[in-house]
C-alpha atoms as a PDB file:
ATOM      1  CA  MET A   1     -70.737 -59.751   9.377  1.00  0.00           C
ATOM      2  CA  GLU A   2     -69.338 -57.337  11.948  1.00  0.00           C
ATOM      3  CA  PRO A   3     -65.742 -57.420  10.532  1.00  0.00           C
ATOM      4  CA  LEU A   4     -67.200 -56.736   7.078  1.00  0.00           C
ATOM      5  CA  TRP A   5     -68.976 -53.619   8.317  1.00  0.00           C
ATOM      6  CA  VAL A   6     -65.773 -52.504   9.973  1.00  0.00           C
ATOM      7  CA  ILE A   7     -63.873 -52.864   6.704  1.00  0.00           C
ATOM      8  CA  ILE A   8     -66.608 -51.016   4.830  1.00  0.00           C
ATOM      9  CA  GLY A   9     -66.523 -48.261   7.395  1.00  0.00           C
ATOM     10  CA  ILE A  10     -62.731 -47.943   7.104  1.00  0.00           C
ATOM     11  CA  LEU A  11     -62.972 -47.827   3.306  1.00  0.00           C
ATOM     12  CA  LEU A  12     -65.651 -45.140   3.444  1.00  0.00           C
ATOM     13  CA  LEU A  13     -63.492 -43.133   5.843  1.00  0.00           C
ATOM     14  CA  VAL A  14     -60.460 -43.488   3.541  1.00  0.00           C
ATOM     15  CA  ILE A  15     -62.579 -42.443   0.539  1.00  0.00           C
ATOM     16  CA  LEU A  16     -63.892 -39.432   2.461  1.00  0.00           C
ATOM     17  CA  LEU A  17     -60.344 -38.426   3.432  1.00  0.00           C
ATOM     18  CA  LEU A  18     -59.197 -38.791  -0.173  1.00  0.00           C
ATOM     19  CA  ILE A  19     -62.088 -36.648  -1.384  1.00  0.00           C
ATOM     20  CA  VAL A  20     -61.207 -33.975   1.182  1.00  0.00           C
ATOM     21  CA  LYS A  21     -57.531 -34.177   0.157  1.00  0.00           C
ATOM     22  CA  ILE A  22     -58.397 -33.841  -3.527  1.00  0.00           C
ATOM     23  CA  ARG A  23     -60.643 -30.861  -2.796  1.00  0.00           C
ATOM     24  CA  LEU A  24     -57.844 -29.187  -0.856  1.00  0.00           C
ATOM     25  CA  LEU A  25     -55.382 -29.831  -3.678  1.00  0.00           C
ATOM     26  CA  GLN A  26     -57.856 -28.368  -6.180  1.00  0.00           C
ATOM     27  CA  LYS A  27     -58.243 -25.317  -3.945  1.00  0.00           C
ATOM     28  CA  ASP A  28     -54.452 -24.949  -3.735  1.00  0.00           C
ATOM     29  CA  ALA A  29     -54.095 -25.329  -7.522  1.00  0.00           C
ATOM     30  CA  ASP A  30     -56.740 -22.663  -8.105  1.00  0.00           C
ATOM     31  CA  GLU A  31     -54.961 -20.395  -5.613  1.00  0.00           C
ATOM     32  CA  ILE A  32     -51.661 -20.857  -7.456  1.00  0.00           C
ATOM     33  CA  ALA A  33     -53.318 -20.218 -10.850  1.00  0.00           C
ATOM     34  CA  ASP A  34     -55.038 -17.029  -9.650  1.00  0.00           C
ATOM     35  CA  ALA A  35     -51.876 -15.739  -7.977  1.00  0.00           C
ATOM     36  CA  PHE A  36     -49.777 -16.508 -11.047  1.00  0.00           C
ATOM     37  CA  ALA A  37     -52.214 -14.710 -13.363  1.00  0.00           C
ATOM     38  CA  ASP A  38     -52.221 -11.717 -11.012  1.00  0.00           C
ATOM     39  CA  ARG A  39     -48.411 -11.524 -10.931  1.00  0.00           C
ATOM     40  CA  LEU A  40     -48.242 -11.591 -14.722  1.00  0.00           C
ATOM     41  CA  THR A  41     -50.736  -8.759 -15.189  1.00  0.00           C
ATOM     42  CA  THR A  42     -49.560  -6.432 -12.397  1.00  0.00           C
ATOM     43  CA  ASP A  43     -46.230  -4.690 -11.924  1.00  0.00           C
ATOM     44  CA  THR A  44     -45.306  -6.064  -8.514  1.00  0.00           C
ATOM     45  CA  ASN A  45     -42.422  -7.813  -6.797  1.00  0.00           C
ATOM     46  CA  ILE A  46     -44.713  -9.872  -4.543  1.00  0.00           C
ATOM     47  CA  LEU A  47     -44.251 -13.600  -5.055  1.00  0.00           C
ATOM     48  CA  ILE A  48     -46.827 -16.372  -4.768  1.00  0.00           C
ATOM     49  CA  ASP A  49     -47.547 -17.225  -1.132  1.00  0.00           C
ATOM     50  CA  LEU A  50     -49.805 -20.183  -0.283  1.00  0.00           C
ATOM     51  CA  SER A  51     -51.847 -20.787   2.830  1.00  0.00           C
ATOM     52  CA  THR A  52     -51.540 -24.559   2.419  1.00  0.00           C
ATOM     53  CA  ARG A  53     -48.951 -26.670   4.211  1.00  0.00           C
ATOM     54  CA  ASP A  54     -48.888 -29.365   1.538  1.00  0.00           C
ATOM     55  CA  ARG A  55     -45.215 -29.769   0.632  1.00  0.00           C
ATOM     56  CA  HIS A  56     -45.871 -30.668  -2.995  1.00  0.00           C
ATOM     57  CA  MET A  57     -47.959 -27.575  -3.604  1.00  0.00           C
ATOM     58  CA  ARG A  58     -45.454 -25.394  -1.771  1.00  0.00           C
ATOM     59  CA  HIS A  59     -42.677 -26.883  -3.909  1.00  0.00           C
ATOM     60  CA  LEU A  60     -44.705 -26.061  -7.045  1.00  0.00           C
ATOM     61  CA  ALA A  61     -45.236 -22.491  -5.832  1.00  0.00           C
ATOM     62  CA  ALA A  62     -41.509 -22.151  -5.107  1.00  0.00           C
ATOM     63  CA  SER A  63     -40.632 -23.319  -8.617  1.00  0.00           C
ATOM     64  CA  ILE A  64     -43.076 -20.823 -10.144  1.00  0.00           C
ATOM     65  CA  ASN A  65     -41.632 -18.051  -7.956  1.00  0.00           C
ATOM     66  CA  GLN A  66     -38.165 -18.867  -9.244  1.00  0.00           C
ATOM     67  CA  GLN A  67     -39.384 -18.503 -12.824  1.00  0.00           C
ATOM     68  CA  LEU A  68     -41.162 -15.260 -11.915  1.00  0.00           C
ATOM     69  CA  ARG A  69     -37.864 -13.820 -10.633  1.00  0.00           C
ATOM     70  CA  LEU A  70     -36.174 -14.715 -13.928  1.00  0.00           C
ATOM     71  CA  LEU A  71     -39.095 -13.252 -15.873  1.00  0.00           C
ATOM     72  CA  ARG A  72     -38.863  -9.974 -13.951  1.00  0.00           C
ATOM     73  CA  LYS A  73     -35.127  -9.734 -14.615  1.00  0.00           C
ATOM     74  CA  GLN A  74     -35.711 -10.283 -18.327  1.00  0.00           C
ATOM     75  CA  ARG A  75     -38.561  -7.763 -18.352  1.00  0.00           C
ATOM     76  CA  LEU A  76     -36.383  -5.175 -16.614  1.00  0.00           C
ATOM     77  CA  ARG A  77     -33.573  -5.839 -19.095  1.00  0.00           C
ATOM     78  CA  TYR A  78     -36.047  -5.430 -21.958  1.00  0.00           C
ATOM     79  CA  LEU A  79     -37.455  -2.161 -20.570  1.00  0.00           C
ATOM     80  CA  ASN A  80     -33.964  -0.761 -20.057  1.00  0.00           C
ATOM     81  CA  GLY A  81     -32.948  -1.815 -23.546  1.00  0.00           C
ATOM     82  CA  ASP A  82     -36.095  -0.320 -25.041  1.00  0.00           C
ATOM     83  CA  ARG A  83     -35.496   2.954 -23.213  1.00  0.00           C
ATOM     84  CA  GLU A  84     -31.877   3.021 -24.352  1.00  0.00           C
ATOM     85  CA  LEU A  85     -33.024   2.362 -27.926  1.00  0.00           C
ATOM     86  CA  LYS A  86     -35.476   5.269 -27.772  1.00  0.00           C
ATOM     87  CA  GLU A  87     -32.764   7.543 -26.380  1.00  0.00           C
ATOM     88  CA  SER A  88     -30.334   6.385 -29.065  1.00  0.00           C
ATOM     89  CA  VAL A  89     -32.859   6.987 -31.841  1.00  0.00           C
ATOM     90  CA  THR A  90     -33.559  10.463 -30.443  1.00  0.00           C
ATOM     91  CA  ASN A  91     -29.845  11.276 -30.311  1.00  0.00           C
ATOM     92  CA  ILE A  92     -29.151   9.793 -33.732  1.00  0.00           C
ATOM     93  CA  SER A  93     -31.998  11.753 -35.276  1.00  0.00           C
ATOM     94  CA  HIS A  94     -31.352  15.016 -33.422  1.00  0.00           C
ATOM     95  CA  ASP A  95     -27.567  15.331 -33.660  1.00  0.00           C
ATOM     96  CA  PRO A  96     -27.283  15.412 -37.492  1.00  0.00           C
ATOM     97  CA  ARG A  97     -30.037  18.012 -37.909  1.00  0.00           C
ATOM     98  CA  THR A  98     -27.777  21.008 -37.270  1.00  0.00           C
ATOM     99  CA  PRO A  99     -24.942  20.011 -39.658  1.00  0.00           C
ATOM    100  CA  LEU A 100     -27.508  18.987 -42.282  1.00  0.00           C
ATOM    101  CA  THR A 101     -29.127  22.397 -42.066  1.00  0.00           C
ATOM    102  CA  ALA A 102     -25.691  23.986 -42.517  1.00  0.00           C
ATOM    103  CA  ILE A 103     -24.955  21.768 -45.535  1.00  0.00           C
ATOM    104  CA  CYS A 104     -28.265  22.766 -47.127  1.00  0.00           C
ATOM    105  CA  GLY A 105     -27.357  26.417 -46.538  1.00  0.00           C
ATOM    106  CA  TYR A 106     -23.981  26.057 -48.232  1.00  0.00           C
ATOM    107  CA  MET A 107     -25.646  24.199 -51.101  1.00  0.00           C
ATOM    108  CA  ASP A 108     -27.969  27.153 -51.629  1.00  0.00           C
ATOM    109  CA  LEU A 109     -24.945  29.482 -51.710  1.00  0.00           C
ATOM    110  CA  LEU A 110     -23.174  27.251 -54.232  1.00  0.00           C
ATOM    111  CA  GLU A 111     -26.247  27.321 -56.466  1.00  0.00           C
ATOM    112  CA  GLN A 112     -25.765  31.081 -56.793  1.00  0.00           C
ATOM    113  CA  GLU A 113     -22.152  30.756 -58.009  1.00  0.00           C
ATOM    114  CA  ASP A 114     -21.001  30.388 -61.603  1.00  0.00           C
ATOM    115  CA  LYS A 115     -20.410  26.734 -62.465  1.00  0.00           C
ATOM    116  CA  ASN A 116     -19.899  24.489 -65.455  1.00  0.00           C
ATOM    117  CA  GLU A 117     -22.132  21.619 -66.551  1.00  0.00           C
ATOM    118  CA  ALA A 118     -20.254  18.923 -64.607  1.00  0.00           C
ATOM    119  CA  VAL A 119     -20.332  20.917 -61.374  1.00  0.00           C
ATOM    120  CA  THR A 120     -24.044  21.576 -61.877  1.00  0.00           C
ATOM    121  CA  ARG A 121     -24.683  17.850 -62.300  1.00  0.00           C
ATOM    122  CA  TYR A 122     -22.659  16.929 -59.215  1.00  0.00           C
ATOM    123  CA  LEU A 123     -24.358  19.604 -57.140  1.00  0.00           C
ATOM    124  CA  ALA A 124     -27.748  18.259 -58.203  1.00  0.00           C
ATOM    125  CA  LEU A 125     -26.733  14.769 -57.053  1.00  0.00           C
ATOM    126  CA  ILE A 126     -25.390  16.081 -53.745  1.00  0.00           C
ATOM    127  CA  SER A 127     -28.524  18.156 -53.203  1.00  0.00           C
ATOM    128  CA  ASN A 128     -30.726  15.151 -53.909  1.00  0.00           C
ATOM    129  CA  ARG A 129     -28.853  12.934 -51.442  1.00  0.00           C
ATOM    130  CA  THR A 130     -28.777  15.690 -48.832  1.00  0.00           C
ATOM    131  CA  GLU A 131     -32.533  16.161 -49.085  1.00  0.00           C
ATOM    132  CA  ALA A 132     -33.046  12.401 -48.742  1.00  0.00           C
ATOM    133  CA  MET A 133     -30.824  12.377 -45.645  1.00  0.00           C
ATOM    134  CA  LYS A 134     -32.783  15.279 -44.217  1.00  0.00           C
ATOM    135  CA  GLN A 135     -36.058  13.444 -44.728  1.00  0.00           C
ATOM    136  CA  LEU A 136     -34.726  10.289 -43.080  1.00  0.00           C
ATOM    137  CA  THR A 137     -33.437  12.284 -40.111  1.00  0.00           C
ATOM    138  CA  GLU A 138     -36.806  13.975 -39.689  1.00  0.00           C
ATOM    139  CA  GLU A 139     -38.556  10.594 -39.841  1.00  0.00           C
ATOM    140  CA  LEU A 140     -36.280   9.203 -37.138  1.00  0.00           C
ATOM    141  CA  PHE A 141     -36.871  12.267 -34.990  1.00  0.00           C
ATOM    142  CA  ARG A 142     -40.656  12.005 -35.342  1.00  0.00           C
ATOM    143  CA  TYR A 143     -40.441   8.305 -34.512  1.00  0.00           C
ATOM    144  CA  SER A 144     -38.589   9.015 -31.269  1.00  0.00           C
ATOM    145  CA  VAL A 145     -41.159  11.674 -30.340  1.00  0.00           C
ATOM    146  CA  ILE A 146     -44.050   9.293 -31.038  1.00  0.00           C
ATOM    147  CA  LEU A 147     -42.493   6.579 -28.869  1.00  0.00           C
ATOM    148  CA  SER A 148     -41.928   8.945 -25.967  1.00  0.00           C
ATOM    149  CA  THR A 149     -45.442  10.423 -26.033  1.00  0.00           C
ATOM    150  CA  GLY A 150     -47.476   7.401 -27.140  1.00  0.00           C
ATOM    151  CA  ASP A 151     -48.741   6.576 -23.649  1.00  0.00           C
ATOM    152  CA  ASP A 152     -49.982  10.148 -23.108  1.00  0.00           C
ATOM    153  CA  MET A 153     -52.205  10.497 -26.181  1.00  0.00           C
ATOM    154  CA  ASP A 154     -55.352  12.554 -25.647  1.00  0.00           C
ATOM    155  CA  LEU A 155     -58.397  10.700 -26.935  1.00  0.00           C
ATOM    156  CA  GLU A 156     -61.566  12.259 -28.288  1.00  0.00           C
ATOM    157  CA  ASN A 157     -64.590  11.226 -30.310  1.00  0.00           C
ATOM    158  CA  VAL A 158     -63.211  11.063 -33.865  1.00  0.00           C
ATOM    159  CA  HIS A 159     -65.179  10.763 -37.117  1.00  0.00           C
ATOM    160  CA  ILE A 160     -62.974   8.169 -38.851  1.00  0.00           C
ATOM    161  CA  ASN A 161     -64.663   8.580 -42.255  1.00  0.00           C
ATOM    162  CA  ALA A 162     -63.752  12.278 -42.347  1.00  0.00           C
ATOM    163  CA  VAL A 163     -60.131  11.718 -41.297  1.00  0.00           C
ATOM    164  CA  LEU A 164     -59.704   9.026 -43.956  1.00  0.00           C
ATOM    165  CA  GLU A 165     -61.192  11.291 -46.641  1.00  0.00           C
ATOM    166  CA  GLU A 166     -58.856  14.133 -45.623  1.00  0.00           C
ATOM    167  CA  SER A 167     -55.846  11.797 -45.741  1.00  0.00           C
ATOM    168  CA  ILE A 168     -56.756  10.503 -49.206  1.00  0.00           C
ATOM    169  CA  ALA A 169     -57.266  14.066 -50.450  1.00  0.00           C
ATOM    170  CA  GLY A 170     -53.850  15.045 -49.085  1.00  0.00           C
ATOM    171  CA  PHE A 171     -52.167  12.206 -51.008  1.00  0.00           C
ATOM    172  CA  TYR A 172     -54.276  12.451 -54.150  1.00  0.00           C
ATOM    173  CA  GLY A 173     -51.783  14.631 -55.995  1.00  0.00           C
ATOM    174  CA  ALA A 174     -48.820  12.386 -55.154  1.00  0.00           C
ATOM    175  CA  LEU A 175     -50.792   9.285 -56.143  1.00  0.00           C
ATOM    176  CA  THR A 176     -51.944  10.663 -59.495  1.00  0.00           C
ATOM    177  CA  ARG A 177     -48.408  11.820 -60.342  1.00  0.00           C
ATOM    178  CA  GLN A 178     -47.432   8.148 -60.170  1.00  0.00           C
ATOM    179  CA  GLY A 179     -50.401   7.178 -62.311  1.00  0.00           C
ATOM    180  CA  ILE A 180     -52.387   5.811 -59.357  1.00  0.00           C
ATOM    181  CA  ILE A 181     -56.095   6.666 -59.360  1.00  0.00           C
ATOM    182  CA  PRO A 182     -57.475   5.399 -56.044  1.00  0.00           C
ATOM    183  CA  VAL A 183     -60.751   3.468 -56.156  1.00  0.00           C
ATOM    184  CA  ILE A 184     -62.646   4.345 -52.994  1.00  0.00           C
ATOM    185  CA  HIS A 185     -65.611   2.522 -51.437  1.00  0.00           C
ATOM    186  CA  MET A 186     -66.743   4.292 -48.282  1.00  0.00           C
ATOM    187  CA  THR A 187     -69.595   3.181 -46.048  1.00  0.00           C
ATOM    188  CA  GLU A 188     -72.399   5.700 -45.632  1.00  0.00           C
ATOM    189  CA  LYS A 189     -72.508   4.823 -41.947  1.00  0.00           C
ATOM    190  CA  ARG A 190     -70.812   7.363 -39.684  1.00  0.00           C
ATOM    191  CA  ILE A 191     -67.969   5.568 -37.883  1.00  0.00           C
ATOM    192  CA  GLU A 192     -66.839   7.202 -34.642  1.00  0.00           C
ATOM    193  CA  ARG A 193     -64.335   5.987 -32.064  1.00  0.00           C
ATOM    194  CA  GLN A 194     -62.418   7.372 -29.085  1.00  0.00           C
ATOM    195  CA  LEU A 195     -59.075   8.076 -30.772  1.00  0.00           C
ATOM    196  CA  ASN A 196     -56.342  10.649 -31.149  1.00  0.00           C
ATOM    197  CA  LYS A 197     -57.122  12.462 -34.401  1.00  0.00           C
ATOM    198  CA  ALA A 198     -53.511  13.398 -35.186  1.00  0.00           C
ATOM    199  CA  ALA A 199     -52.337   9.823 -34.551  1.00  0.00           C
ATOM    200  CA  LEU A 200     -55.106   8.427 -36.774  1.00  0.00           C
ATOM    201  CA  ALA A 201     -54.153  10.810 -39.584  1.00  0.00           C
ATOM    202  CA  ARG A 202     -50.524   9.702 -39.169  1.00  0.00           C
ATOM    203  CA  ILE A 203     -51.534   6.042 -39.491  1.00  0.00           C
ATOM    204  CA  PHE A 204     -53.429   6.683 -42.736  1.00  0.00           C
ATOM    205  CA  SER A 205     -50.602   8.870 -44.043  1.00  0.00           C
ATOM    206  CA  ASN A 206     -47.978   6.183 -43.446  1.00  0.00           C
ATOM    207  CA  ILE A 207     -50.110   3.490 -45.087  1.00  0.00           C
ATOM    208  CA  LEU A 208     -50.777   5.678 -48.141  1.00  0.00           C
ATOM    209  CA  ASN A 209     -47.091   6.520 -48.351  1.00  0.00           C
ATOM    210  CA  ASN A 210     -46.391   2.785 -48.318  1.00  0.00           C
ATOM    211  CA  ALA A 211     -48.747   2.395 -51.297  1.00  0.00           C
ATOM    212  CA  LEU A 212     -46.728   5.026 -53.173  1.00  0.00           C
ATOM    213  CA  LYS A 213     -43.603   2.894 -52.706  1.00  0.00           C
ATOM    214  CA  TYR A 214     -44.922  -0.565 -53.518  1.00  0.00           C
ATOM    215  CA  SER A 215     -47.989  -0.192 -55.741  1.00  0.00           C
ATOM    216  CA  ASP A 216     -47.760  -1.308 -59.367  1.00  0.00           C
ATOM    217  CA  GLY A 217     -50.137   1.509 -60.328  1.00  0.00           C
ATOM    218  CA  ASP A 218     -53.395   0.895 -58.504  1.00  0.00           C
ATOM    219  CA  LEU A 219     -54.926   1.404 -55.064  1.00  0.00           C
ATOM    220  CA  ALA A 220     -58.305   0.397 -53.643  1.00  0.00           C
ATOM    221  CA  ILE A 221     -59.495   1.809 -50.312  1.00  0.00           C
ATOM    222  CA  THR A 222     -62.563   0.275 -48.684  1.00  0.00           C
ATOM    223  CA  MET A 223     -64.269   1.202 -45.427  1.00  0.00           C
ATOM    224  CA  GLU A 224     -66.742  -1.400 -44.172  1.00  0.00           C
ATOM    225  CA  ASP A 225     -69.851  -0.838 -42.061  1.00  0.00           C
ATOM    226  CA  ASP A 226     -68.055  -2.276 -39.008  1.00  0.00           C
ATOM    227  CA  GLY A 227     -65.303   0.351 -39.345  1.00  0.00           C
ATOM    228  CA  GLU A 228     -62.626  -1.903 -40.848  1.00  0.00           C
ATOM    229  CA  ILE A 229     -60.520  -0.098 -43.456  1.00  0.00           C
ATOM    230  CA  ILE A 230     -58.743  -2.039 -46.213  1.00  0.00           C
ATOM    231  CA  PHE A 231     -55.932  -0.602 -48.332  1.00  0.00           C
ATOM    232  CA  SER A 232     -55.222  -2.913 -51.254  1.00  0.00           C
ATOM    233  CA  ASN A 233     -52.939  -2.678 -54.272  1.00  0.00           C
ATOM    234  CA  THR A 234     -51.027  -4.819 -56.720  1.00  0.00           C
ATOM    235  CA  ALA A 235     -47.424  -5.251 -55.558  1.00  0.00           C
ATOM    236  CA  SER A 236     -45.611  -7.781 -57.735  1.00  0.00           C
ATOM    237  CA  GLY A 237     -42.252  -6.674 -56.294  1.00  0.00           C
ATOM    238  CA  LEU A 238     -43.085  -8.029 -52.838  1.00  0.00           C
ATOM    239  CA  ASN A 239     -43.100 -11.546 -51.455  1.00  0.00           C
ATOM    240  CA  GLU A 240     -44.561 -13.242 -48.374  1.00  0.00           C
ATOM    241  CA  VAL A 241     -41.335 -12.923 -46.359  1.00  0.00           C
ATOM    242  CA  GLN A 242     -41.037  -9.176 -46.985  1.00  0.00           C
ATOM    243  CA  VAL A 243     -44.702  -8.585 -46.160  1.00  0.00           C
ATOM    244  CA  GLY A 244     -44.273 -10.454 -42.875  1.00  0.00           C
ATOM    245  CA  LYS A 245     -41.522  -8.012 -41.878  1.00  0.00           C
ATOM    246  CA  LEU A 246     -43.042  -4.724 -43.049  1.00  0.00           C
ATOM    247  CA  PHE A 247     -44.242  -3.813 -39.542  1.00  0.00           C
ATOM    248  CA  ASP A 248     -40.804  -4.485 -38.001  1.00  0.00           C
ATOM    249  CA  ARG A 249     -38.782  -1.507 -36.847  1.00  0.00           C
ATOM    250  CA  PHE A 250     -36.140  -0.338 -39.341  1.00  0.00           C
ATOM    251  CA  TYR A 251     -37.086  -3.010 -41.886  1.00  0.00           C
ATOM    252  CA  SER A 252     -37.147  -1.639 -45.401  1.00  0.00           C
ATOM    253  CA  VAL A 253     -37.626  -3.467 -48.675  1.00  0.00           C
ATOM    254  CA  GLU A 254     -34.458  -3.048 -50.730  1.00  0.00           C
ATOM    255  CA  ASN A 255     -35.959  -0.824 -53.411  1.00  0.00           C
ATOM    256  CA  ALA A 256     -37.237   1.739 -50.860  1.00  0.00           C
ATOM    257  CA  ARG A 257     -33.833   3.376 -50.552  1.00  0.00           C
ATOM    258  CA  ASN A 258     -35.060   6.653 -49.098  1.00  0.00           C
ATOM    259  CA  SER A 259     -36.925   4.990 -46.259  1.00  0.00           C
ATOM    260  CA  THR A 260     -35.936   4.223 -42.677  1.00  0.00           C
ATOM    261  CA  GLY A 261     -38.419   1.358 -42.563  1.00  0.00           C
ATOM    262  CA  LEU A 262     -40.342   3.126 -39.788  1.00  0.00           C
ATOM    263  CA  GLY A 263     -43.572   4.112 -41.559  1.00  0.00           C
ATOM    264  CA  LEU A 264     -45.601   0.959 -40.966  1.00  0.00           C
ATOM    265  CA  SER A 265     -43.875   0.351 -37.640  1.00  0.00           C
ATOM    266  CA  ILE A 266     -45.149   3.741 -36.469  1.00  0.00           C
ATOM    267  CA  ALA A 267     -48.608   2.939 -37.867  1.00  0.00           C
ATOM    268  CA  LYS A 268     -48.684  -0.320 -35.912  1.00  0.00           C
ATOM    269  CA  PHE A 269     -47.448   1.323 -32.715  1.00  0.00           C
ATOM    270  CA  LEU A 270     -50.066   4.090 -32.866  1.00  0.00           C
ATOM    271  CA  THR A 271     -52.870   1.682 -33.814  1.00  0.00           C
ATOM    272  CA  GLU A 272     -52.149  -0.624 -30.894  1.00  0.00           C
ATOM    273  CA  GLN A 273     -51.776   2.351 -28.525  1.00  0.00           C
ATOM    274  CA  MET A 274     -55.387   3.203 -29.355  1.00  0.00           C
ATOM    275  CA  ASN A 275     -56.512  -0.440 -28.877  1.00  0.00           C
ATOM    276  CA  GLY A 276     -56.890  -1.041 -32.604  1.00  0.00           C
ATOM    277  CA  SER A 277     -55.584  -3.798 -34.838  1.00  0.00           C
ATOM    278  CA  ILE A 278     -53.521  -3.659 -38.011  1.00  0.00           C
ATOM    279  CA  ARG A 279     -52.327  -6.513 -40.203  1.00  0.00           C
ATOM    280  CA  ALA A 280     -51.017  -7.174 -43.695  1.00  0.00           C
ATOM    281  CA  GLU A 281     -51.862  -9.954 -46.119  1.00  0.00           C
ATOM    282  CA  TYR A 282     -50.281 -10.915 -49.416  1.00  0.00           C
ATOM    283  CA  ASP A 283     -52.117 -12.995 -52.008  1.00  0.00           C
ATOM    284  CA  ARG A 284     -49.771 -12.647 -54.964  1.00  0.00           C
ATOM    285  CA  PRO A 285     -49.763 -10.154 -56.477  1.00  0.00           C
ATOM    286  CA  ARG A 286     -52.318  -8.420 -54.191  1.00  0.00           C
ATOM    287  CA  PHE A 287     -51.037  -6.693 -51.050  1.00  0.00           C
ATOM    288  CA  SER A 288     -53.586  -5.565 -48.439  1.00  0.00           C
ATOM    289  CA  ILE A 289     -53.440  -3.754 -45.093  1.00  0.00           C
ATOM    290  CA  TYR A 290     -56.380  -4.062 -42.693  1.00  0.00           C
ATOM    291  CA  VAL A 291     -56.985  -1.471 -39.954  1.00  0.00           C
ATOM    292  CA  LYS A 292     -59.786  -1.618 -37.405  1.00  0.00           C
ATOM    293  CA  PHE A 293     -60.623   0.239 -34.202  1.00  0.00           C
END
């Protein structure tokens, strides 16, 4: 019997050691997970450093550190590229403003001169294209300004219902000229959030401007009790692929020839800067944009 008890004792000791080893490995795994999550959420160059001497866990930590170095390089490359893009957009939008202003001035002078019918027609075409170019340049310039100041937006308690009503009123004339009579359903509940009022008005303006481009002649605007705002219209000229790209920078549906494709991109940028959400859905032929803060 004595050898049996010895064997049992050895087995119990081995089991106890295994349990301790497993607990230590679990502790090391939790330490790696917490350190990894911290490195992903904080801007730091500190790598994962373990207190354990287990070679397998240290090898795992070393492999993760190697991937973290690559991730930081890619992040730095992205940030530099994004900054260069912003600077390029600013330069592209700013540089043509002076010559465009001069062209518009000369066009005004030409309008005062005697001219035949053909010259009048050509001047009208040139003036139309020049005005479109001017609008696009201004849109690019505003986009670059928004990107550079987005992180420094001043927030205040904003009555969203009132801002939405003001935006609709501002576009009412343009909508009715295109035969669009907006159908509005507004909650009676007062919806207030900590937002930047000018940025919120810009979001609504860009969405309404999008409706002017793509609506088949109708527009429904609904504000729910939870604050979600839905802009919906018939848009038979769109498809699922185009709708999926509408929030991309510089994407423009082919028939919107006077657009830089920045309107909804700006709306998305500003919405997310204020911790809101914006999305688009297309259930042919109904196109809807959902905004919520």
